[in-house]
Amino acid sequence: NTMRSVLVLSAVIVAGVWAERPKIKDSTGALLVKISDIPVGSCGSDSYFGLGMMNGTLEECERWQLTDPAAVREYEEYKCKHLRVHARMHHGKCVCEPKWKGPICNEFEGCPEGHALHGKVCTANVCQHDGTLAVGKKEIECICE
């Protein structure tokens, strides 16, 4: 009986430690890249996971300078879905929705500089529990470290 109690307690401790692991991958298994780690103005060999902040917006380095109209439209739609928070397609381009701005359309114009809108409140960090914004293969999300 004592052995069974030790095993159950050990399982609970292991499960608790496992549950508190920092999230480093998205639902597809791809590594999450912190927005703050992405280089500004660089999409060369030193780009971080193929991402760069180019001309003030988050871009995929392989696709941000496409010229084929069909490929450009496909990339713009992809950007709106996966590389922006509050964006929509407008005349074939991905643009921030009204009242939203920033490299990933996550800054609300009614909030002070450096603050984001969480629910109906301006906050210094849109991520709860001091999380960090990160890019995955499917979307922008918060990660805790």
N, C-alpha and C. Protein backbone atom coordinates (compact mmCIF):
# COMPACT_ATOMS: atom_id res chain seq x y z
N ASN A 1 0.83 -1.20 0.00
CA ASN A 1 0.00 0.00 0.00
C ASN A 1 0.87 1.26 0.00
N THR A 2 1.95 1.25 0.77
CA THR A 2 2.87 2.37 0.80
C THR A 2 3.52 2.55 -0.57
N MET A 3 3.87 1.43 -1.20
CA MET A 3 4.49 1.49 -2.53
C MET A 3 3.53 2.11 -3.54
N ARG A 4 2.26 1.73 -3.46
CA ARG A 4 1.25 2.28 -4.37
C ARG A 4 1.12 3.79 -4.15
N SER A 5 1.13 4.24 -2.92
CA SER A 5 1.04 5.67 -2.61
C SER A 5 2.23 6.43 -3.17
N VAL A 6 3.42 5.83 -3.05
CA VAL A 6 4.64 6.46 -3.58
C VAL A 6 4.54 6.56 -5.10
N LEU A 7 4.07 5.51 -5.75
CA LEU A 7 3.93 5.53 -7.22
C LEU A 7 2.93 6.60 -7.66
N VAL A 8 1.79 6.67 -6.99
CA VAL A 8 0.77 7.67 -7.35
C VAL A 8 1.32 9.08 -7.13
N LEU A 9 1.97 9.31 -5.99
CA LEU A 9 2.54 10.62 -5.71
C LEU A 9 3.61 10.97 -6.74
N SER A 10 4.45 10.01 -7.10
CA SER A 10 5.49 10.25 -8.12
C SER A 10 4.86 10.62 -9.45
N ALA A 11 3.80 9.93 -9.83
CA ALA A 11 3.11 10.21 -11.10
C ALA A 11 2.54 11.62 -11.09
N VAL A 12 1.97 12.03 -9.96
CA VAL A 12 1.41 13.38 -9.85
C VAL A 12 2.51 14.43 -9.98
N ILE A 13 3.64 14.21 -9.33
CA ILE A 13 4.76 15.17 -9.41
C ILE A 13 5.28 15.26 -10.83
N VAL A 14 5.49 14.11 -11.48
CA VAL A 14 5.97 14.10 -12.87
C VAL A 14 4.98 14.82 -13.78
N ALA A 15 3.69 14.55 -13.61
CA ALA A 15 2.67 15.20 -14.44
C ALA A 15 2.70 16.71 -14.21
N GLY A 16 2.87 17.14 -12.97
CA GLY A 16 2.93 18.57 -12.67
C GLY A 16 4.13 19.24 -13.30
N VAL A 17 5.28 18.60 -13.24
CA VAL A 17 6.49 19.15 -13.86
C VAL A 17 6.32 19.18 -15.37
N TRP A 18 5.77 18.12 -15.94
CA TRP A 18 5.56 18.03 -17.39
C TRP A 18 4.63 19.16 -17.86
N ALA A 19 3.58 19.45 -17.10
CA ALA A 19 2.59 20.46 -17.49
C ALA A 19 3.18 21.86 -17.46
N GLU A 20 4.23 22.10 -16.70
CA GLU A 20 4.80 23.43 -16.59
C GLU A 20 5.94 23.69 -17.55
N ARG A 21 6.20 22.74 -18.46
CA ARG A 21 7.26 22.94 -19.44
C ARG A 21 6.96 24.15 -20.29
N PRO A 22 7.96 24.96 -20.61
CA PRO A 22 7.71 26.11 -21.47
C PRO A 22 7.28 25.65 -22.87
N LYS A 23 6.35 26.37 -23.44
CA LYS A 23 5.87 26.04 -24.78
C LYS A 23 6.88 26.58 -25.79
N ILE A 24 7.44 25.69 -26.62
CA ILE A 24 8.41 26.13 -27.61
C ILE A 24 8.01 25.73 -29.03
N LYS A 25 6.93 24.91 -29.14
CA LYS A 25 6.47 24.48 -30.46
C LYS A 25 4.99 24.77 -30.61
N ASP A 26 4.57 24.99 -31.87
CA ASP A 26 3.15 25.21 -32.12
C ASP A 26 2.44 23.87 -32.32
N SER A 27 1.16 23.92 -32.66
CA SER A 27 0.37 22.70 -32.80
C SER A 27 0.83 21.81 -33.95
N THR A 28 1.61 22.36 -34.89
CA THR A 28 2.13 21.56 -36.01
C THR A 28 3.48 20.94 -35.67
N GLY A 29 4.04 21.29 -34.52
CA GLY A 29 5.36 20.79 -34.14
C GLY A 29 6.49 21.71 -34.56
N ALA A 30 6.14 22.82 -35.22
CA ALA A 30 7.16 23.79 -35.65
C ALA A 30 7.61 24.63 -34.46
N LEU A 31 8.89 24.98 -34.44
CA LEU A 31 9.41 25.83 -33.37
C LEU A 31 8.76 27.21 -33.43
N LEU A 32 8.39 27.74 -32.29
CA LEU A 32 7.85 29.09 -32.21
C LEU A 32 9.00 30.07 -32.16
N VAL A 33 8.89 31.15 -32.91
CA VAL A 33 9.94 32.16 -32.99
C VAL A 33 9.44 33.43 -32.31
N LYS A 34 10.15 33.87 -31.26
CA LYS A 34 9.75 35.10 -30.57
C LYS A 34 9.85 36.28 -31.54
N ILE A 35 8.81 37.11 -31.55
CA ILE A 35 8.79 38.30 -32.41
C ILE A 35 10.03 39.16 -32.12
N SER A 36 10.40 39.27 -30.85
CA SER A 36 11.54 40.11 -30.46
C SER A 36 12.88 39.58 -30.99
N ASP A 37 12.94 38.30 -31.38
CA ASP A 37 14.18 37.72 -31.91
C ASP A 37 14.33 37.89 -33.41
N ILE A 38 13.29 38.33 -34.09
CA ILE A 38 13.32 38.45 -35.55
C ILE A 38 14.07 39.72 -35.93
N PRO A 39 15.10 39.61 -36.79
CA PRO A 39 15.91 40.78 -37.13
C PRO A 39 15.13 41.83 -37.92
N VAL A 40 15.44 43.09 -37.66
CA VAL A 40 14.80 44.20 -38.36
C VAL A 40 15.65 44.56 -39.58
N GLY A 41 15.01 44.64 -40.74
CA GLY A 41 15.70 45.06 -41.96
C GLY A 41 16.65 44.03 -42.53
N SER A 42 16.53 42.79 -42.10
CA SER A 42 17.44 41.76 -42.59
C SER A 42 16.68 40.54 -43.04
N CYS A 43 16.88 40.17 -44.30
CA CYS A 43 16.28 38.94 -44.81
C CYS A 43 17.34 38.16 -45.57
N GLY A 44 18.58 38.28 -45.13
CA GLY A 44 19.67 37.55 -45.78
C GLY A 44 19.93 36.24 -45.09
N SER A 45 21.16 35.80 -45.14
CA SER A 45 21.53 34.50 -44.56
C SER A 45 21.39 34.49 -43.04
N ASP A 46 21.37 35.68 -42.43
CA ASP A 46 21.24 35.73 -40.97
C ASP A 46 19.79 35.89 -40.51
N SER A 47 18.83 35.73 -41.43
CA SER A 47 17.43 35.85 -41.03
C SER A 47 17.09 34.70 -40.08
N TYR A 48 16.19 34.96 -39.18
CA TYR A 48 15.88 34.02 -38.11
C TYR A 48 14.70 33.15 -38.52
N PHE A 49 14.94 31.87 -38.76
CA PHE A 49 13.89 30.93 -39.19
C PHE A 49 13.19 31.41 -40.45
N GLY A 50 13.91 32.13 -41.32
CA GLY A 50 13.32 32.57 -42.58
C GLY A 50 12.38 33.75 -42.44
N LEU A 51 12.44 34.44 -41.31
CA LEU A 51 11.57 35.60 -41.06
C LEU A 51 12.41 36.85 -40.89
N GLY A 52 11.85 37.99 -41.29
CA GLY A 52 12.51 39.27 -41.09
C GLY A 52 11.48 40.38 -41.00
N MET A 53 11.83 41.47 -40.31
CA MET A 53 10.99 42.66 -40.27
C MET A 53 11.45 43.55 -41.42
N MET A 54 10.71 43.53 -42.51
CA MET A 54 11.10 44.27 -43.70
C MET A 54 10.12 45.40 -43.96
N ASN A 55 10.65 46.61 -44.14
CA ASN A 55 9.82 47.80 -44.37
C ASN A 55 8.72 47.93 -43.32
N GLY A 56 9.06 47.59 -42.09
CA GLY A 56 8.12 47.79 -40.98
C GLY A 56 7.10 46.69 -40.76
N THR A 57 7.20 45.58 -41.52
CA THR A 57 6.24 44.49 -41.32
C THR A 57 6.95 43.14 -41.26
N LEU A 58 6.32 42.19 -40.60
CA LEU A 58 6.86 40.83 -40.51
C LEU A 58 6.66 40.13 -41.85
N GLU A 59 7.75 39.57 -42.38
CA GLU A 59 7.70 38.91 -43.69
C GLU A 59 8.42 37.57 -43.66
N GLU A 60 7.99 36.67 -44.55
CA GLU A 60 8.73 35.44 -44.82
C GLU A 60 9.77 35.79 -45.87
N CYS A 61 11.02 35.58 -45.56
CA CYS A 61 12.11 36.02 -46.44
C CYS A 61 12.02 35.45 -47.85
N GLU A 62 11.61 34.20 -47.97
CA GLU A 62 11.55 33.58 -49.30
C GLU A 62 10.47 34.19 -50.18
N ARG A 63 9.45 34.78 -49.57
CA ARG A 63 8.30 35.21 -50.37
C ARG A 63 8.01 36.70 -50.40
N TRP A 64 8.72 37.50 -49.62
CA TRP A 64 8.29 38.90 -49.50
C TRP A 64 8.57 39.74 -50.74
N GLN A 65 9.41 39.26 -51.65
CA GLN A 65 9.68 40.03 -52.87
C GLN A 65 9.20 39.32 -54.13
N LEU A 66 8.17 38.51 -54.02
CA LEU A 66 7.62 37.81 -55.18
C LEU A 66 7.10 38.81 -56.20
N THR A 67 7.11 38.41 -57.48
CA THR A 67 6.60 39.30 -58.53
C THR A 67 5.43 38.68 -59.29
N ASP A 68 5.33 37.34 -59.32
CA ASP A 68 4.22 36.69 -60.01
C ASP A 68 2.91 37.05 -59.31
N PRO A 69 1.95 37.65 -60.05
CA PRO A 69 0.71 38.12 -59.41
C PRO A 69 -0.04 37.05 -58.61
N ALA A 70 -0.13 35.83 -59.13
CA ALA A 70 -0.84 34.77 -58.41
C ALA A 70 -0.10 34.41 -57.12
N ALA A 71 1.23 34.33 -57.19
CA ALA A 71 2.04 34.01 -56.01
C ALA A 71 1.97 35.13 -54.98
N VAL A 72 1.96 36.37 -55.46
CA VAL A 72 1.87 37.53 -54.56
C VAL A 72 0.54 37.49 -53.81
N ARG A 73 -0.55 37.24 -54.52
CA ARG A 73 -1.87 37.20 -53.88
C ARG A 73 -1.93 36.07 -52.84
N GLU A 74 -1.40 34.92 -53.21
CA GLU A 74 -1.39 33.78 -52.29
C GLU A 74 -0.60 34.12 -51.02
N TYR A 75 0.55 34.77 -51.19
CA TYR A 75 1.37 35.16 -50.04
C TYR A 75 0.65 36.21 -49.19
N GLU A 76 0.02 37.17 -49.83
CA GLU A 76 -0.71 38.21 -49.08
C GLU A 76 -1.82 37.57 -48.24
N GLU A 77 -2.53 36.59 -48.81
CA GLU A 77 -3.59 35.90 -48.05
C GLU A 77 -2.98 35.10 -46.89
N TYR A 78 -1.85 34.46 -47.16
CA TYR A 78 -1.15 33.71 -46.12
C TYR A 78 -0.73 34.65 -44.98
N LYS A 79 -0.17 35.81 -45.35
CA LYS A 79 0.25 36.79 -44.35
C LYS A 79 -0.90 37.19 -43.44
N CYS A 80 -2.05 37.48 -44.04
CA CYS A 80 -3.21 37.90 -43.26
C CYS A 80 -3.64 36.81 -42.27
N LYS A 81 -3.56 35.58 -42.69
CA LYS A 81 -3.99 34.46 -41.85
C LYS A 81 -2.96 34.07 -40.80
N HIS A 82 -1.68 34.10 -41.15
CA HIS A 82 -0.66 33.51 -40.29
C HIS A 82 0.36 34.47 -39.69
N LEU A 83 0.58 35.63 -40.32
CA LEU A 83 1.63 36.54 -39.84
C LEU A 83 1.08 37.87 -39.31
N ARG A 84 -0.23 37.97 -39.18
CA ARG A 84 -0.85 39.18 -38.65
C ARG A 84 -1.90 38.80 -37.62
N VAL A 85 -2.19 39.73 -36.70
CA VAL A 85 -3.19 39.48 -35.67
C VAL A 85 -4.55 40.05 -36.09
N HIS A 86 -4.58 41.32 -36.46
CA HIS A 86 -5.84 41.97 -36.87
C HIS A 86 -5.64 42.54 -38.27
N ALA A 87 -5.84 41.71 -39.29
CA ALA A 87 -5.60 42.14 -40.67
C ALA A 87 -6.68 41.59 -41.59
N ARG A 88 -6.77 42.20 -42.78
CA ARG A 88 -7.73 41.73 -43.78
C ARG A 88 -7.17 42.03 -45.16
N MET A 89 -7.72 41.37 -46.15
CA MET A 89 -7.33 41.61 -47.53
C MET A 89 -8.06 42.86 -48.04
N HIS A 90 -7.33 43.72 -48.74
CA HIS A 90 -7.91 44.93 -49.32
C HIS A 90 -7.20 45.18 -50.65
N HIS A 91 -7.95 45.06 -51.75
CA HIS A 91 -7.38 45.23 -53.09
C HIS A 91 -6.14 44.36 -53.31
N GLY A 92 -6.23 43.10 -52.90
CA GLY A 92 -5.15 42.16 -53.15
C GLY A 92 -3.96 42.25 -52.21
N LYS A 93 -4.05 43.12 -51.20
CA LYS A 93 -2.95 43.28 -50.24
C LYS A 93 -3.46 42.98 -48.83
N CYS A 94 -2.57 42.48 -47.99
CA CYS A 94 -2.90 42.27 -46.59
C CYS A 94 -2.64 43.59 -45.85
N VAL A 95 -3.68 44.13 -45.25
CA VAL A 95 -3.55 45.40 -44.52
C VAL A 95 -4.11 45.24 -43.11
N CYS A 96 -3.62 46.06 -42.20
CA CYS A 96 -4.17 46.06 -40.85
C CYS A 96 -5.62 46.52 -40.90
N GLU A 97 -6.45 45.93 -40.04
CA GLU A 97 -7.84 46.36 -39.93
C GLU A 97 -7.85 47.79 -39.38
N PRO A 98 -8.96 48.53 -39.64
CA PRO A 98 -9.03 49.90 -39.11
C PRO A 98 -8.75 49.94 -37.60
N LYS A 99 -8.02 50.95 -37.17
CA LYS A 99 -7.63 51.19 -35.78
C LYS A 99 -6.49 50.29 -35.29
N TRP A 100 -5.96 49.42 -36.17
CA TRP A 100 -4.85 48.54 -35.79
C TRP A 100 -3.63 48.89 -36.61
N LYS A 101 -2.44 48.75 -36.01
CA LYS A 101 -1.19 49.09 -36.69
C LYS A 101 -0.07 48.19 -36.17
N GLY A 102 1.13 48.43 -36.68
CA GLY A 102 2.30 47.69 -36.22
C GLY A 102 2.71 46.61 -37.21
N PRO A 103 3.89 46.03 -37.01
CA PRO A 103 4.43 45.05 -37.95
C PRO A 103 3.58 43.79 -38.08
N ILE A 104 2.75 43.49 -37.05
CA ILE A 104 1.88 42.33 -37.12
C ILE A 104 0.42 42.71 -36.84
N CYS A 105 0.11 44.01 -36.96
CA CYS A 105 -1.26 44.52 -36.76
C CYS A 105 -1.81 44.15 -35.38
N ASN A 106 -1.00 44.31 -34.35
CA ASN A 106 -1.45 43.99 -33.00
C ASN A 106 -1.49 45.20 -32.07
N GLU A 107 -1.14 46.39 -32.59
CA GLU A 107 -1.14 47.60 -31.77
C GLU A 107 -2.42 48.38 -32.05
N PHE A 108 -3.20 48.62 -31.01
CA PHE A 108 -4.47 49.34 -31.15
C PHE A 108 -4.21 50.84 -31.05
N GLU A 109 -4.75 51.60 -31.99
CA GLU A 109 -4.49 53.05 -32.04
C GLU A 109 -5.00 53.80 -30.82
N GLY A 110 -5.95 53.26 -30.09
CA GLY A 110 -6.48 53.93 -28.91
C GLY A 110 -5.67 53.70 -27.65
N CYS A 111 -4.64 52.87 -27.72
CA CYS A 111 -3.81 52.57 -26.54
C CYS A 111 -2.52 53.38 -26.58
N PRO A 112 -1.93 53.65 -25.42
CA PRO A 112 -0.64 54.35 -25.40
C PRO A 112 0.44 53.54 -26.13
N GLU A 113 1.48 54.21 -26.58
CA GLU A 113 2.59 53.55 -27.27
C GLU A 113 3.14 52.42 -26.41
N GLY A 114 3.39 51.28 -27.03
CA GLY A 114 3.94 50.14 -26.31
C GLY A 114 2.91 49.31 -25.58
N HIS A 115 1.63 49.69 -25.69
CA HIS A 115 0.56 48.93 -25.05
C HIS A 115 -0.30 48.25 -26.11
N ALA A 116 -0.97 47.19 -25.72
CA ALA A 116 -1.85 46.45 -26.62
C ALA A 116 -3.24 46.36 -25.99
N LEU A 117 -4.20 46.02 -26.81
CA LEU A 117 -5.57 45.87 -26.33
C LEU A 117 -5.81 44.41 -25.98
N HIS A 118 -6.19 44.15 -24.74
CA HIS A 118 -6.52 42.79 -24.31
C HIS A 118 -7.95 42.85 -23.79
N GLY A 119 -8.87 42.24 -24.51
CA GLY A 119 -10.28 42.40 -24.18
C GLY A 119 -10.65 43.84 -24.49
N LYS A 120 -11.03 44.60 -23.48
CA LYS A 120 -11.36 46.01 -23.69
C LYS A 120 -10.41 46.92 -22.92
N VAL A 121 -9.26 46.38 -22.50
CA VAL A 121 -8.33 47.13 -21.66
C VAL A 121 -6.97 47.23 -22.34
N CYS A 122 -6.37 48.43 -22.28
CA CYS A 122 -5.00 48.60 -22.78
C CYS A 122 -4.04 48.03 -21.74
N THR A 123 -3.13 47.21 -22.18
CA THR A 123 -2.21 46.55 -21.26
C THR A 123 -0.79 46.58 -21.81
N ALA A 124 0.20 46.56 -20.92
CA ALA A 124 1.60 46.61 -21.35
C ALA A 124 2.00 45.33 -22.09
N ASN A 125 1.29 44.23 -21.84
CA ASN A 125 1.60 42.97 -22.52
C ASN A 125 0.30 42.26 -22.86
N VAL A 126 0.07 42.03 -24.14
CA VAL A 126 -1.15 41.35 -24.58
C VAL A 126 -1.15 39.89 -24.14
N CYS A 127 0.03 39.32 -23.90
CA CYS A 127 0.14 37.94 -23.44
C CYS A 127 -0.01 37.89 -21.93
N GLN A 128 -0.79 36.95 -21.44
CA GLN A 128 -0.95 36.81 -20.00
C GLN A 128 0.28 36.17 -19.38
N HIS A 129 0.44 36.31 -18.08
CA HIS A 129 1.52 35.70 -17.29
C HIS A 129 2.90 36.05 -17.84
N ASP A 130 3.08 37.31 -18.28
CA ASP A 130 4.36 37.78 -18.83
C ASP A 130 4.85 36.96 -20.02
N GLY A 131 3.92 36.47 -20.81
CA GLY A 131 4.27 35.71 -22.01
C GLY A 131 4.87 36.61 -23.08
N THR A 132 5.30 35.99 -24.17
CA THR A 132 5.95 36.69 -25.27
C THR A 132 5.26 36.32 -26.58
N LEU A 133 5.05 37.31 -27.45
CA LEU A 133 4.47 37.02 -28.76
C LEU A 133 5.45 36.23 -29.60
N ALA A 134 4.94 35.22 -30.30
CA ALA A 134 5.79 34.36 -31.13
C ALA A 134 5.04 33.96 -32.39
N VAL A 135 5.80 33.60 -33.42
CA VAL A 135 5.23 33.18 -34.69
C VAL A 135 5.40 31.68 -34.84
N GLY A 136 4.29 31.01 -35.16
CA GLY A 136 4.32 29.59 -35.48
C GLY A 136 3.99 29.43 -36.96
N LYS A 137 3.76 28.22 -37.39
CA LYS A 137 3.41 27.97 -38.80
C LYS A 137 1.97 28.37 -39.09
N LYS A 138 1.11 28.35 -38.06
CA LYS A 138 -0.31 28.62 -38.28
C LYS A 138 -0.73 30.02 -37.88
N GLU A 139 -0.11 30.58 -36.85
CA GLU A 139 -0.58 31.86 -36.33
C GLU A 139 0.43 32.48 -35.38
N ILE A 140 0.12 33.69 -34.98
CA ILE A 140 0.90 34.37 -33.94
C ILE A 140 0.24 34.02 -32.61
N GLU A 141 1.04 33.63 -31.65
CA GLU A 141 0.49 33.24 -30.36
C GLU A 141 1.43 33.65 -29.24
N CYS A 142 0.98 33.48 -28.02
CA CYS A 142 1.79 33.81 -26.86
C CYS A 142 2.49 32.56 -26.35
N ILE A 143 3.74 32.72 -25.93
CA ILE A 143 4.46 31.62 -25.29
C ILE A 143 4.93 32.08 -23.93
N CYS A 144 4.99 31.15 -23.00
CA CYS A 144 5.52 31.44 -21.67
C CYS A 144 6.87 30.78 -21.55
N GLU A 145 7.79 31.44 -20.87
CA GLU A 145 9.14 30.88 -20.74
C GLU A 145 9.40 30.43 -19.32
